[in-house]
């Protein structure tokens, strides 16, 4: 069922990091990729940027896949005509910016140009499939494939179905993502924020409250995650962590600690005001004292982040 006759993927990009990262992921798995951008010259610019990155990754011995950089680059092409970019593709990954009307319009245009079996996938991180694909006629082949930034180093992909998505479409996408080295997870139904951003929002909210209420500093709450919970969660998730933290597993853990967890949860305050309030300004100022918010400092820290993620990805691969 998964022996693809066509190995061609089209990426629709608005000159963004996610689109370039998707292209790098797909070519690393040996798939031909056509990049399309409606802004003249942007798709060619994306290919040039990808060439630079792949060459650097190869030099650092961090290139993904079995093909060398030149062979991966040979699988990549840029296009400024949508119909040409879509021709022959079995899978289309849309990566335009997070504006619902734009995404709806893009998928209307795509549907007019492709066959009924072509899978339509969106990279959206905050728009549910029932809204993104509301103007598509054949919604059974539509889903969200939400990556984590940057997808080349962080392998998780959330597969979120439209209420009408066919099981075979989920299966095919799961197979594709696995084949190119990502770690796909299936959501059984759509929900605002999907899974990753809902869990992330819970962490953000309580971290913010703890700083705002004078319990802990910005620097130290980040250490709680990076040197504490994050050490576990880089390899095992919260469910397995609980299962392993009691002699007789998860049920035993909840007997021992469930009441304490309930007590803590009921003590949580309201959703914080993340902007505008004096408390929010104070937190932002504290963060900017640690890492100034100008482009130079942020870019340096982003580069450091990516280097650390590359190293962690390698470690997880060898695990």
C-alpha atoms as a PDB file:
ATOM      1  CA  UNK A   1       0.000   0.000   0.000  1.00  0.00           C
ATOM      2  CA  UNK A   2       2.951   2.293   0.615  1.00  0.00           C
ATOM      3  CA  UNK A   3       5.034   1.584  -2.492  1.00  0.00           C
ATOM      4  CA  UNK A   4       4.786   5.045  -3.975  1.00  0.00           C
ATOM      5  CA  UNK A   5       4.976   5.103  -7.748  1.00  0.00           C
ATOM      6  CA  UNK A   6       5.512   8.846  -7.538  1.00  0.00           C
ATOM      7  CA  UNK A   7       8.133  10.210  -5.176  1.00  0.00           C
ATOM      8  CA  UNK A   8       7.435  13.847  -5.864  1.00  0.00           C
ATOM      9  CA  UNK A   9       6.480  16.309  -3.147  1.00  0.00           C
ATOM     10  CA  UNK A  10       5.504  19.925  -3.679  1.00  0.00           C
ATOM     11  CA  UNK A  11       6.201  22.525  -1.007  1.00  0.00           C
ATOM     12  CA  UNK A  12       4.299  25.790  -1.107  1.00  0.00           C
ATOM     13  CA  UNK A  13       6.437  28.313   0.706  1.00  0.00           C
ATOM     14  CA  UNK A  14       6.332  31.959   1.590  1.00  0.00           C
ATOM     15  CA  UNK A  15      10.119  32.316   2.002  1.00  0.00           C
ATOM     16  CA  UNK A  16      10.100  30.845   5.504  1.00  0.00           C
ATOM     17  CA  UNK A  17      12.287  28.696   7.716  1.00  0.00           C
ATOM     18  CA  UNK A  18       9.659  25.960   8.009  1.00  0.00           C
ATOM     19  CA  UNK A  19       9.378  25.534   4.238  1.00  0.00           C
ATOM     20  CA  UNK A  20      13.148  25.303   3.802  1.00  0.00           C
ATOM     21  CA  UNK A  21      13.409  22.828   6.673  1.00  0.00           C
ATOM     22  CA  UNK A  22      10.649  20.660   5.184  1.00  0.00           C
ATOM     23  CA  UNK A  23      12.483  20.645   1.855  1.00  0.00           C
ATOM     24  CA  UNK A  24      15.691  19.519   3.576  1.00  0.00           C
ATOM     25  CA  UNK A  25      13.822  16.778   5.461  1.00  0.00           C
ATOM     26  CA  UNK A  26      12.113  15.400   2.335  1.00  0.00           C
ATOM     27  CA  UNK A  27      15.214  15.377   0.114  1.00  0.00           C
ATOM     28  CA  UNK A  28      17.161  13.690   2.914  1.00  0.00           C
ATOM     29  CA  UNK A  29      14.700  10.811   2.536  1.00  0.00           C
ATOM     30  CA  UNK A  30      15.312  10.613  -1.221  1.00  0.00           C
ATOM     31  CA  UNK A  31      12.137  12.389  -2.375  1.00  0.00           C
ATOM     32  CA  UNK A  32      12.084  14.862  -5.249  1.00  0.00           C
ATOM     33  CA  UNK A  33      10.837  18.242  -4.026  1.00  0.00           C
ATOM     34  CA  UNK A  34       9.448  21.174  -5.979  1.00  0.00           C
ATOM     35  CA  UNK A  35       9.406  24.480  -4.108  1.00  0.00           C
ATOM     36  CA  UNK A  36       6.859  27.103  -5.100  1.00  0.00           C
ATOM     37  CA  UNK A  37       6.541  30.667  -3.853  1.00  0.00           C
ATOM     38  CA  UNK A  38       4.213  33.296  -5.296  1.00  0.00           C
ATOM     39  CA  UNK A  39       6.821  36.016  -4.719  1.00  0.00           C
ATOM     40  CA  UNK A  40       9.217  36.213  -7.712  1.00  0.00           C
ATOM     41  CA  UNK A  41      12.694  34.915  -6.952  1.00  0.00           C
ATOM     42  CA  UNK A  42      11.871  33.612  -3.487  1.00  0.00           C
ATOM     43  CA  UNK A  43      11.769  29.905  -4.363  1.00  0.00           C
ATOM     44  CA  UNK A  44      15.178  30.160  -6.073  1.00  0.00           C
ATOM     45  CA  UNK A  45      16.475  32.046  -3.033  1.00  0.00           C
ATOM     46  CA  UNK A  46      15.196  29.237  -0.791  1.00  0.00           C
ATOM     47  CA  UNK A  47      17.087  26.644  -2.863  1.00  0.00           C
ATOM     48  CA  UNK A  48      20.300  28.706  -2.583  1.00  0.00           C
ATOM     49  CA  UNK A  49      19.881  28.905   1.188  1.00  0.00           C
ATOM     50  CA  UNK A  50      19.213  25.154   1.402  1.00  0.00           C
ATOM     51  CA  UNK A  51      22.356  24.450  -0.660  1.00  0.00           C
ATOM     52  CA  UNK A  52      24.431  26.439   1.824  1.00  0.00           C
ATOM     53  CA  UNK A  53      22.891  24.658   4.818  1.00  0.00           C
ATOM     54  CA  UNK A  54      23.255  21.156   3.384  1.00  0.00           C
ATOM     55  CA  UNK A  55      26.912  21.762   2.525  1.00  0.00           C
ATOM     56  CA  UNK A  56      27.563  23.034   6.058  1.00  0.00           C
ATOM     57  CA  UNK A  57      25.763  20.043   7.561  1.00  0.00           C
ATOM     58  CA  UNK A  58      27.770  17.635   5.453  1.00  0.00           C
ATOM     59  CA  UNK A  59      31.006  19.305   6.513  1.00  0.00           C
ATOM     60  CA  UNK A  60      29.934  18.967  10.167  1.00  0.00           C
ATOM     61  CA  UNK A  61      28.983  15.277   9.598  1.00  0.00           C
ATOM     62  CA  UNK A  62      25.401  16.116  10.606  1.00  0.00           C
ATOM     63  CA  UNK A  63      23.690  15.633   7.224  1.00  0.00           C
ATOM     64  CA  UNK A  64      20.551  13.536   7.471  1.00  0.00           C
ATOM     65  CA  UNK A  65      19.804  10.610   5.169  1.00  0.00           C
ATOM     66  CA  UNK A  66      21.986   8.292   3.110  1.00  0.00           C
ATOM     67  CA  UNK A  67      22.592  10.633   0.168  1.00  0.00           C
ATOM     68  CA  UNK A  68      25.427  13.148   0.035  1.00  0.00           C
ATOM     69  CA  UNK A  69      24.573  16.850  -0.213  1.00  0.00           C
ATOM     70  CA  UNK A  70      24.995  17.132  -4.007  1.00  0.00           C
ATOM     71  CA  UNK A  71      22.568  14.238  -4.582  1.00  0.00           C
ATOM     72  CA  UNK A  72      20.044  15.710  -2.183  1.00  0.00           C
ATOM     73  CA  UNK A  73      20.300  19.081  -3.933  1.00  0.00           C
ATOM     74  CA  UNK A  74      19.728  17.381  -7.288  1.00  0.00           C
ATOM     75  CA  UNK A  75      16.280  16.353  -6.000  1.00  0.00           C
ATOM     76  CA  UNK A  76      15.314  19.986  -5.399  1.00  0.00           C
ATOM     77  CA  UNK A  77      13.850  22.471  -7.874  1.00  0.00           C
ATOM     78  CA  UNK A  78      12.290  25.935  -7.632  1.00  0.00           C
ATOM     79  CA  UNK A  79       9.188  27.114  -9.497  1.00  0.00           C
ATOM     80  CA  UNK A  80       7.203  30.306  -9.952  1.00  0.00           C
ATOM     81  CA  UNK A  81       4.250  28.693 -11.748  1.00  0.00           C
ATOM     82  CA  UNK A  82       1.875  26.834  -9.429  1.00  0.00           C
ATOM     83  CA  UNK A  83       0.590  24.361 -12.013  1.00  0.00           C
ATOM     84  CA  UNK A  84       4.145  23.345 -12.952  1.00  0.00           C
ATOM     85  CA  UNK A  85       5.118  22.985  -9.298  1.00  0.00           C
ATOM     86  CA  UNK A  86       2.140  20.707  -8.600  1.00  0.00           C
ATOM     87  CA  UNK A  87       2.555  18.501 -11.662  1.00  0.00           C
ATOM     88  CA  UNK A  88       3.335  14.892 -10.719  1.00  0.00           C
ATOM     89  CA  UNK A  89       3.234  15.379  -6.937  1.00  0.00           C
ATOM     90  CA  UNK A  90       1.508  12.839  -4.653  1.00  0.00           C
ATOM     91  CA  UNK A  91       1.911  14.958  -1.494  1.00  0.00           C
ATOM     92  CA  UNK A  92       1.692  18.730  -1.036  1.00  0.00           C
ATOM     93  CA  UNK A  93       2.984  20.455   2.104  1.00  0.00           C
ATOM     94  CA  UNK A  94       1.747  24.030   2.445  1.00  0.00           C
ATOM     95  CA  UNK A  95       3.938  26.383   4.487  1.00  0.00           C
ATOM     96  CA  UNK A  96       2.428  29.833   3.975  1.00  0.00           C
ATOM     97  CA  UNK A  97       2.039  32.244   6.910  1.00  0.00           C
ATOM     98  CA  UNK A  98      -0.594  31.754   9.612  1.00  0.00           C
ATOM     99  CA  UNK A  99      -3.504  33.604   8.026  1.00  0.00           C
ATOM    100  CA  UNK A 100      -6.653  31.538   7.591  1.00  0.00           C
ATOM    101  CA  UNK A 101      -8.009  33.273   4.474  1.00  0.00           C
ATOM    102  CA  UNK A 102      -4.669  32.908   2.681  1.00  0.00           C
ATOM    103  CA  UNK A 103      -4.437  29.197   3.451  1.00  0.00           C
ATOM    104  CA  UNK A 104      -8.054  28.622   2.379  1.00  0.00           C
ATOM    105  CA  UNK A 105      -7.408  30.422  -0.911  1.00  0.00           C
ATOM    106  CA  UNK A 106      -4.174  28.490  -1.539  1.00  0.00           C
ATOM    107  CA  UNK A 107      -5.916  25.129  -1.089  1.00  0.00           C
ATOM    108  CA  UNK A 108      -8.771  26.183  -3.379  1.00  0.00           C
ATOM    109  CA  UNK A 109      -6.187  26.978  -6.080  1.00  0.00           C
ATOM    110  CA  UNK A 110      -4.373  23.679  -5.488  1.00  0.00           C
ATOM    111  CA  UNK A 111      -7.524  21.567  -5.654  1.00  0.00           C
ATOM    112  CA  UNK A 112      -8.327  22.905  -9.123  1.00  0.00           C
ATOM    113  CA  UNK A 113      -4.909  21.742 -10.385  1.00  0.00           C
ATOM    114  CA  UNK A 114      -4.368  18.287  -8.848  1.00  0.00           C
ATOM    115  CA  UNK A 115      -5.989  14.848  -8.996  1.00  0.00           C
ATOM    116  CA  UNK A 116      -8.345  13.552  -6.315  1.00  0.00           C
ATOM    117  CA  UNK A 117      -5.761  11.226  -4.733  1.00  0.00           C
ATOM    118  CA  UNK A 118      -3.130  13.910  -4.028  1.00  0.00           C
ATOM    119  CA  UNK A 119      -2.736  14.501  -0.285  1.00  0.00           C
ATOM    120  CA  UNK A 120      -3.102  18.110   0.879  1.00  0.00           C
ATOM    121  CA  UNK A 121      -1.180  18.858   4.076  1.00  0.00           C
ATOM    122  CA  UNK A 122      -0.810  22.112   6.017  1.00  0.00           C
ATOM    123  CA  UNK A 123       2.057  23.117   8.323  1.00  0.00           C
ATOM    124  CA  UNK A 124      -0.202  25.316  10.438  1.00  0.00           C
ATOM    125  CA  UNK A 125       0.583  25.436  14.141  1.00  0.00           C
ATOM    126  CA  UNK A 126      -2.608  27.071  15.392  1.00  0.00           C
ATOM    127  CA  UNK A 127      -5.443  26.634  12.862  1.00  0.00           C
ATOM    128  CA  UNK A 128      -7.622  23.523  13.037  1.00  0.00           C
ATOM    129  CA  UNK A 129      -8.085  21.469   9.826  1.00  0.00           C
ATOM    130  CA  UNK A 130     -11.862  22.003   9.688  1.00  0.00           C
ATOM    131  CA  UNK A 131     -11.177  25.739   9.180  1.00  0.00           C
ATOM    132  CA  UNK A 132      -8.071  25.460   6.960  1.00  0.00           C
ATOM    133  CA  UNK A 133      -9.805  23.090   4.521  1.00  0.00           C
ATOM    134  CA  UNK A 134     -13.372  24.440   4.772  1.00  0.00           C
ATOM    135  CA  UNK A 135     -13.355  25.564   1.117  1.00  0.00           C
ATOM    136  CA  UNK A 136     -11.874  22.337  -0.268  1.00  0.00           C
ATOM    137  CA  UNK A 137     -14.418  20.066  -1.969  1.00  0.00           C
ATOM    138  CA  UNK A 138     -12.696  16.707  -1.294  1.00  0.00           C
ATOM    139  CA  UNK A 139     -11.698  16.961   2.360  1.00  0.00           C
ATOM    140  CA  UNK A 140     -11.008  13.256   2.826  1.00  0.00           C
ATOM    141  CA  UNK A 141      -7.413  13.780   1.576  1.00  0.00           C
ATOM    142  CA  UNK A 142      -6.660  16.758   3.858  1.00  0.00           C
ATOM    143  CA  UNK A 143      -4.762  16.945   7.143  1.00  0.00           C
ATOM    144  CA  UNK A 144      -2.414  19.111   9.183  1.00  0.00           C
ATOM    145  CA  UNK A 145       1.216  17.978   9.495  1.00  0.00           C
ATOM    146  CA  UNK A 146       2.489  20.315  12.202  1.00  0.00           C
ATOM    147  CA  UNK A 147       6.276  20.264  12.625  1.00  0.00           C
ATOM    148  CA  UNK A 148       8.314  21.595  15.530  1.00  0.00           C
ATOM    149  CA  UNK A 149      10.684  24.472  14.770  1.00  0.00           C
ATOM    150  CA  UNK A 150      13.269  23.675  13.458  1.00  0.00           C
ATOM    151  CA  UNK A 151      11.958  20.418  11.874  1.00  0.00           C
ATOM    152  CA  UNK A 152      15.392  19.318  10.621  1.00  0.00           C
ATOM    153  CA  UNK A 153      16.639  18.916  14.201  1.00  0.00           C
ATOM    154  CA  UNK A 154      13.395  18.295  16.123  1.00  0.00           C
ATOM    155  CA  UNK A 155      11.679  15.334  14.539  1.00  0.00           C
ATOM    156  CA  UNK A 156       8.164  15.425  15.978  1.00  0.00           C
ATOM    157  CA  UNK A 157       5.300  15.954  13.510  1.00  0.00           C
ATOM    158  CA  UNK A 158       1.699  16.163  14.733  1.00  0.00           C
ATOM    159  CA  UNK A 159      -0.723  14.616  12.240  1.00  0.00           C
ATOM    160  CA  UNK A 160      -4.123  16.199  12.829  1.00  0.00           C
ATOM    161  CA  UNK A 161      -7.109  14.917  10.812  1.00  0.00           C
ATOM    162  CA  UNK A 162      -9.996  16.893   9.401  1.00  0.00           C
ATOM    163  CA  UNK A 163     -13.259  15.289  10.612  1.00  0.00           C
ATOM    164  CA  UNK A 164     -13.571  13.806   7.087  1.00  0.00           C
ATOM    165  CA  UNK A 165      -9.934  12.694   6.620  1.00  0.00           C
ATOM    166  CA  UNK A 166      -9.664   9.122   5.328  1.00  0.00           C
ATOM    167  CA  UNK A 167      -7.746   6.624   7.482  1.00  0.00           C
ATOM    168  CA  UNK A 168      -5.590   5.737   4.455  1.00  0.00           C
ATOM    169  CA  UNK A 169      -4.451   9.374   4.171  1.00  0.00           C
ATOM    170  CA  UNK A 170      -3.328   9.358   7.808  1.00  0.00           C
ATOM    171  CA  UNK A 171      -1.554   6.027   7.244  1.00  0.00           C
ATOM    172  CA  UNK A 172       0.229   7.218   4.095  1.00  0.00           C
ATOM    173  CA  UNK A 173       1.350  10.468   5.748  1.00  0.00           C
ATOM    174  CA  UNK A 174       2.538   8.604   8.844  1.00  0.00           C
ATOM    175  CA  UNK A 175       4.554   6.266   6.599  1.00  0.00           C
ATOM    176  CA  UNK A 176       6.025   9.177   4.629  1.00  0.00           C
ATOM    177  CA  UNK A 177       7.059  11.089   7.754  1.00  0.00           C
ATOM    178  CA  UNK A 178       8.613   7.974   9.274  1.00  0.00           C
ATOM    179  CA  UNK A 179      10.460   7.194   6.045  1.00  0.00           C
ATOM    180  CA  UNK A 180      12.090  10.639   5.945  1.00  0.00           C
ATOM    181  CA  UNK A 181      13.223  10.277   9.554  1.00  0.00           C
ATOM    182  CA  UNK A 182      10.606  12.330  11.389  1.00  0.00           C
ATOM    183  CA  UNK A 183       8.682  11.106  14.451  1.00  0.00           C
ATOM    184  CA  UNK A 184       4.974  11.402  13.568  1.00  0.00           C
ATOM    185  CA  UNK A 185       2.224  11.245  16.187  1.00  0.00           C
ATOM    186  CA  UNK A 186      -1.461  10.868  15.357  1.00  0.00           C
ATOM    187  CA  UNK A 187      -4.162  12.971  16.957  1.00  0.00           C
ATOM    188  CA  UNK A 188      -7.448  11.085  16.856  1.00  0.00           C
ATOM    189  CA  UNK A 189      -9.415  14.313  16.411  1.00  0.00           C
ATOM    190  CA  UNK A 190      -8.763  18.017  15.969  1.00  0.00           C
ATOM    191  CA  UNK A 191      -8.466  20.298  18.983  1.00  0.00           C
ATOM    192  CA  UNK A 192      -7.329  23.915  19.372  1.00  0.00           C
ATOM    193  CA  UNK A 193      -3.549  23.997  19.878  1.00  0.00           C
ATOM    194  CA  UNK A 194      -3.197  20.313  18.931  1.00  0.00           C
ATOM    195  CA  UNK A 195      -1.194  18.340  21.554  1.00  0.00           C
ATOM    196  CA  UNK A 196       2.242  19.978  21.619  1.00  0.00           C
ATOM    197  CA  UNK A 197       1.064  23.567  21.961  1.00  0.00           C
ATOM    198  CA  UNK A 198      -1.514  22.656  24.620  1.00  0.00           C
ATOM    199  CA  UNK A 199       1.200  21.021  26.751  1.00  0.00           C
ATOM    200  CA  UNK A 200       3.571  23.909  25.980  1.00  0.00           C
ATOM    201  CA  UNK A 201       0.910  26.473  26.946  1.00  0.00           C
ATOM    202  CA  UNK A 202       0.429  24.768  30.319  1.00  0.00           C
ATOM    203  CA  UNK A 203       4.183  24.944  30.995  1.00  0.00           C
ATOM    204  CA  UNK A 204       4.375  28.579  29.839  1.00  0.00           C
ATOM    205  CA  UNK A 205       1.428  29.632  32.015  1.00  0.00           C
ATOM    206  CA  UNK A 206       2.723  28.105  35.255  1.00  0.00           C
ATOM    207  CA  UNK A 207       6.310  29.251  34.585  1.00  0.00           C
ATOM    208  CA  UNK A 208       5.018  32.796  33.992  1.00  0.00           C
ATOM    209  CA  UNK A 209       2.890  32.700  37.168  1.00  0.00           C
ATOM    210  CA  UNK A 210       5.815  31.504  39.301  1.00  0.00           C
ATOM    211  CA  UNK A 211       8.005  34.386  38.085  1.00  0.00           C
ATOM    212  CA  UNK A 212       5.179  36.939  38.285  1.00  0.00           C
ATOM    213  CA  UNK A 213       4.330  35.896  41.862  1.00  0.00           C
ATOM    214  CA  UNK A 214       7.933  36.347  42.982  1.00  0.00           C
ATOM    215  CA  UNK A 215       8.539  32.633  43.595  1.00  0.00           C
ATOM    216  CA  UNK A 216      11.475  32.210  41.209  1.00  0.00           C
ATOM    217  CA  UNK A 217      13.549  34.153  38.663  1.00  0.00           C
ATOM    218  CA  UNK A 218      13.351  33.906  34.870  1.00  0.00           C
ATOM    219  CA  UNK A 219      16.822  32.347  34.790  1.00  0.00           C
ATOM    220  CA  UNK A 220      16.000  29.730  37.412  1.00  0.00           C
ATOM    221  CA  UNK A 221      12.621  28.661  35.983  1.00  0.00           C
ATOM    222  CA  UNK A 222      14.413  27.946  32.711  1.00  0.00           C
ATOM    223  CA  UNK A 223      16.903  25.802  34.669  1.00  0.00           C
ATOM    224  CA  UNK A 224      13.987  23.887  36.209  1.00  0.00           C
ATOM    225  CA  UNK A 225      13.220  22.674  32.692  1.00  0.00           C
ATOM    226  CA  UNK A 226      16.663  22.485  31.055  1.00  0.00           C
ATOM    227  CA  UNK A 227      18.441  20.816  34.004  1.00  0.00           C
ATOM    228  CA  UNK A 228      15.423  19.046  35.505  1.00  0.00           C
ATOM    229  CA  UNK A 229      12.291  17.995  33.671  1.00  0.00           C
ATOM    230  CA  UNK A 230      13.870  18.473  30.252  1.00  0.00           C
ATOM    231  CA  UNK A 231      16.602  15.963  31.067  1.00  0.00           C
ATOM    232  CA  UNK A 232      13.925  13.269  31.386  1.00  0.00           C
ATOM    233  CA  UNK A 233      11.629  14.522  28.675  1.00  0.00           C
ATOM    234  CA  UNK A 234      14.344  14.495  26.015  1.00  0.00           C
ATOM    235  CA  UNK A 235      14.063  10.713  26.032  1.00  0.00           C
ATOM    236  CA  UNK A 236      10.856   9.684  27.834  1.00  0.00           C
ATOM    237  CA  UNK A 237       7.544  11.489  28.151  1.00  0.00           C
ATOM    238  CA  UNK A 238       5.426  12.385  31.209  1.00  0.00           C
ATOM    239  CA  UNK A 239       3.384   9.161  31.123  1.00  0.00           C
ATOM    240  CA  UNK A 240       6.437   6.885  31.093  1.00  0.00           C
ATOM    241  CA  UNK A 241       8.157   9.127  33.674  1.00  0.00           C
ATOM    242  CA  UNK A 242       5.273   8.514  36.090  1.00  0.00           C
ATOM    243  CA  UNK A 243       5.195   4.809  35.225  1.00  0.00           C
ATOM    244  CA  UNK A 244       8.892   4.470  36.113  1.00  0.00           C
ATOM    245  CA  UNK A 245       8.770   6.680  39.235  1.00  0.00           C
ATOM    246  CA  UNK A 246       6.828   4.217  41.412  1.00  0.00           C
ATOM    247  CA  UNK A 247       7.743   0.599  42.243  1.00  0.00           C
ATOM    248  CA  UNK A 248       4.571  -0.833  40.686  1.00  0.00           C
ATOM    249  CA  UNK A 249       4.054   1.560  37.783  1.00  0.00           C
ATOM    250  CA  UNK A 250       1.509   4.207  36.843  1.00  0.00           C
ATOM    251  CA  UNK A 251      -1.415   3.022  38.997  1.00  0.00           C
ATOM    252  CA  UNK A 252       0.897   2.869  42.023  1.00  0.00           C
ATOM    253  CA  UNK A 253       2.266   6.347  41.197  1.00  0.00           C
ATOM    254  CA  UNK A 254      -1.219   7.832  41.192  1.00  0.00           C
ATOM    255  CA  UNK A 255      -2.105   6.145  44.484  1.00  0.00           C
ATOM    256  CA  UNK A 256       1.006   7.651  46.042  1.00  0.00           C
ATOM    257  CA  UNK A 257       1.043  11.116  44.449  1.00  0.00           C
ATOM    258  CA  UNK A 258      -2.373  11.679  42.824  1.00  0.00           C
ATOM    259  CA  UNK A 259      -3.826  13.631  45.744  1.00  0.00           C
ATOM    260  CA  UNK A 260      -0.757  15.885  45.904  1.00  0.00           C
ATOM    261  CA  UNK A 261      -1.026  16.562  42.167  1.00  0.00           C
ATOM    262  CA  UNK A 262      -4.715  17.458  42.566  1.00  0.00           C
ATOM    263  CA  UNK A 263      -3.868  19.821  45.449  1.00  0.00           C
ATOM    264  CA  UNK A 264      -1.196  21.594  43.382  1.00  0.00           C
ATOM    265  CA  UNK A 265      -3.456  21.864  40.327  1.00  0.00           C
ATOM    266  CA  UNK A 266      -6.261  23.483  42.327  1.00  0.00           C
ATOM    267  CA  UNK A 267      -3.786  26.085  43.613  1.00  0.00           C
ATOM    268  CA  UNK A 268      -2.949  27.356  40.110  1.00  0.00           C
ATOM    269  CA  UNK A 269      -3.885  30.969  39.472  1.00  0.00           C
ATOM    270  CA  UNK A 270      -5.786  32.410  36.500  1.00  0.00           C
ATOM    271  CA  UNK A 271      -4.333  32.602  32.998  1.00  0.00           C
ATOM    272  CA  UNK A 272      -1.679  35.342  33.157  1.00  0.00           C
ATOM    273  CA  UNK A 273      -1.772  38.609  31.243  1.00  0.00           C
ATOM    274  CA  UNK A 274       1.229  38.043  28.976  1.00  0.00           C
ATOM    275  CA  UNK A 275       1.476  41.614  27.687  1.00  0.00           C
ATOM    276  CA  UNK A 276       0.646  45.105  28.811  1.00  0.00           C
ATOM    277  CA  UNK A 277       0.662  44.591  32.569  1.00  0.00           C
ATOM    278  CA  UNK A 278       3.472  45.760  34.836  1.00  0.00           C
ATOM    279  CA  UNK A 279       4.166  42.144  35.775  1.00  0.00           C
ATOM    280  CA  UNK A 280       4.560  41.184  32.118  1.00  0.00           C
ATOM    281  CA  UNK A 281       6.926  44.130  31.454  1.00  0.00           C
ATOM    282  CA  UNK A 282       9.029  43.110  34.438  1.00  0.00           C
ATOM    283  CA  UNK A 283       9.374  39.538  33.151  1.00  0.00           C
ATOM    284  CA  UNK A 284      10.325  40.756  29.663  1.00  0.00           C
ATOM    285  CA  UNK A 285      12.939  43.102  31.144  1.00  0.00           C
ATOM    286  CA  UNK A 286      14.380  40.288  33.251  1.00  0.00           C
ATOM    287  CA  UNK A 287      14.643  38.048  30.181  1.00  0.00           C
ATOM    288  CA  UNK A 288      16.288  40.791  28.135  1.00  0.00           C
ATOM    289  CA  UNK A 289      18.909  41.343  30.833  1.00  0.00           C
ATOM    290  CA  UNK A 290      19.925  37.705  30.346  1.00  0.00           C
ATOM    291  CA  UNK A 291      19.661  37.755  26.542  1.00  0.00           C
ATOM    292  CA  UNK A 292      19.175  41.187  24.924  1.00  0.00           C
ATOM    293  CA  UNK A 293      16.311  41.296  22.451  1.00  0.00           C
ATOM    294  CA  UNK A 294      18.277  42.753  19.530  1.00  0.00           C
ATOM    295  CA  UNK A 295      18.786  40.741  16.343  1.00  0.00           C
ATOM    296  CA  UNK A 296      22.475  40.072  16.930  1.00  0.00           C
ATOM    297  CA  UNK A 297      22.020  38.481  20.347  1.00  0.00           C
ATOM    298  CA  UNK A 298      18.877  36.565  19.373  1.00  0.00           C
ATOM    299  CA  UNK A 299      20.501  35.178  16.208  1.00  0.00           C
ATOM    300  CA  UNK A 300      23.519  34.009  18.196  1.00  0.00           C
ATOM    301  CA  UNK A 301      21.292  32.217  20.704  1.00  0.00           C
ATOM    302  CA  UNK A 302      19.205  30.665  17.918  1.00  0.00           C
ATOM    303  CA  UNK A 303      22.384  29.337  16.334  1.00  0.00           C
ATOM    304  CA  UNK A 304      23.450  27.952  19.713  1.00  0.00           C
ATOM    305  CA  UNK A 305      20.019  26.335  20.114  1.00  0.00           C
ATOM    306  CA  UNK A 306      20.282  24.656  16.720  1.00  0.00           C
ATOM    307  CA  UNK A 307      23.800  23.399  17.448  1.00  0.00           C
ATOM    308  CA  UNK A 308      22.633  21.912  20.754  1.00  0.00           C
ATOM    309  CA  UNK A 309      19.606  20.334  19.078  1.00  0.00           C
ATOM    310  CA  UNK A 310      21.858  18.832  16.408  1.00  0.00           C
ATOM    311  CA  UNK A 311      23.988  17.252  19.120  1.00  0.00           C
ATOM    312  CA  UNK A 312      20.939  15.969  20.991  1.00  0.00           C
ATOM    313  CA  UNK A 313      19.446  14.568  17.779  1.00  0.00           C
ATOM    314  CA  UNK A 314      22.693  12.687  17.158  1.00  0.00           C
ATOM    315  CA  UNK A 315      22.679  11.355  20.711  1.00  0.00           C
ATOM    316  CA  UNK A 316      19.072  10.186  20.391  1.00  0.00           C
ATOM    317  CA  UNK A 317      19.897   8.548  17.053  1.00  0.00           C
ATOM    318  CA  UNK A 318      22.728   6.588  18.696  1.00  0.00           C
ATOM    319  CA  UNK A 319      20.589   5.667  21.715  1.00  0.00           C
END
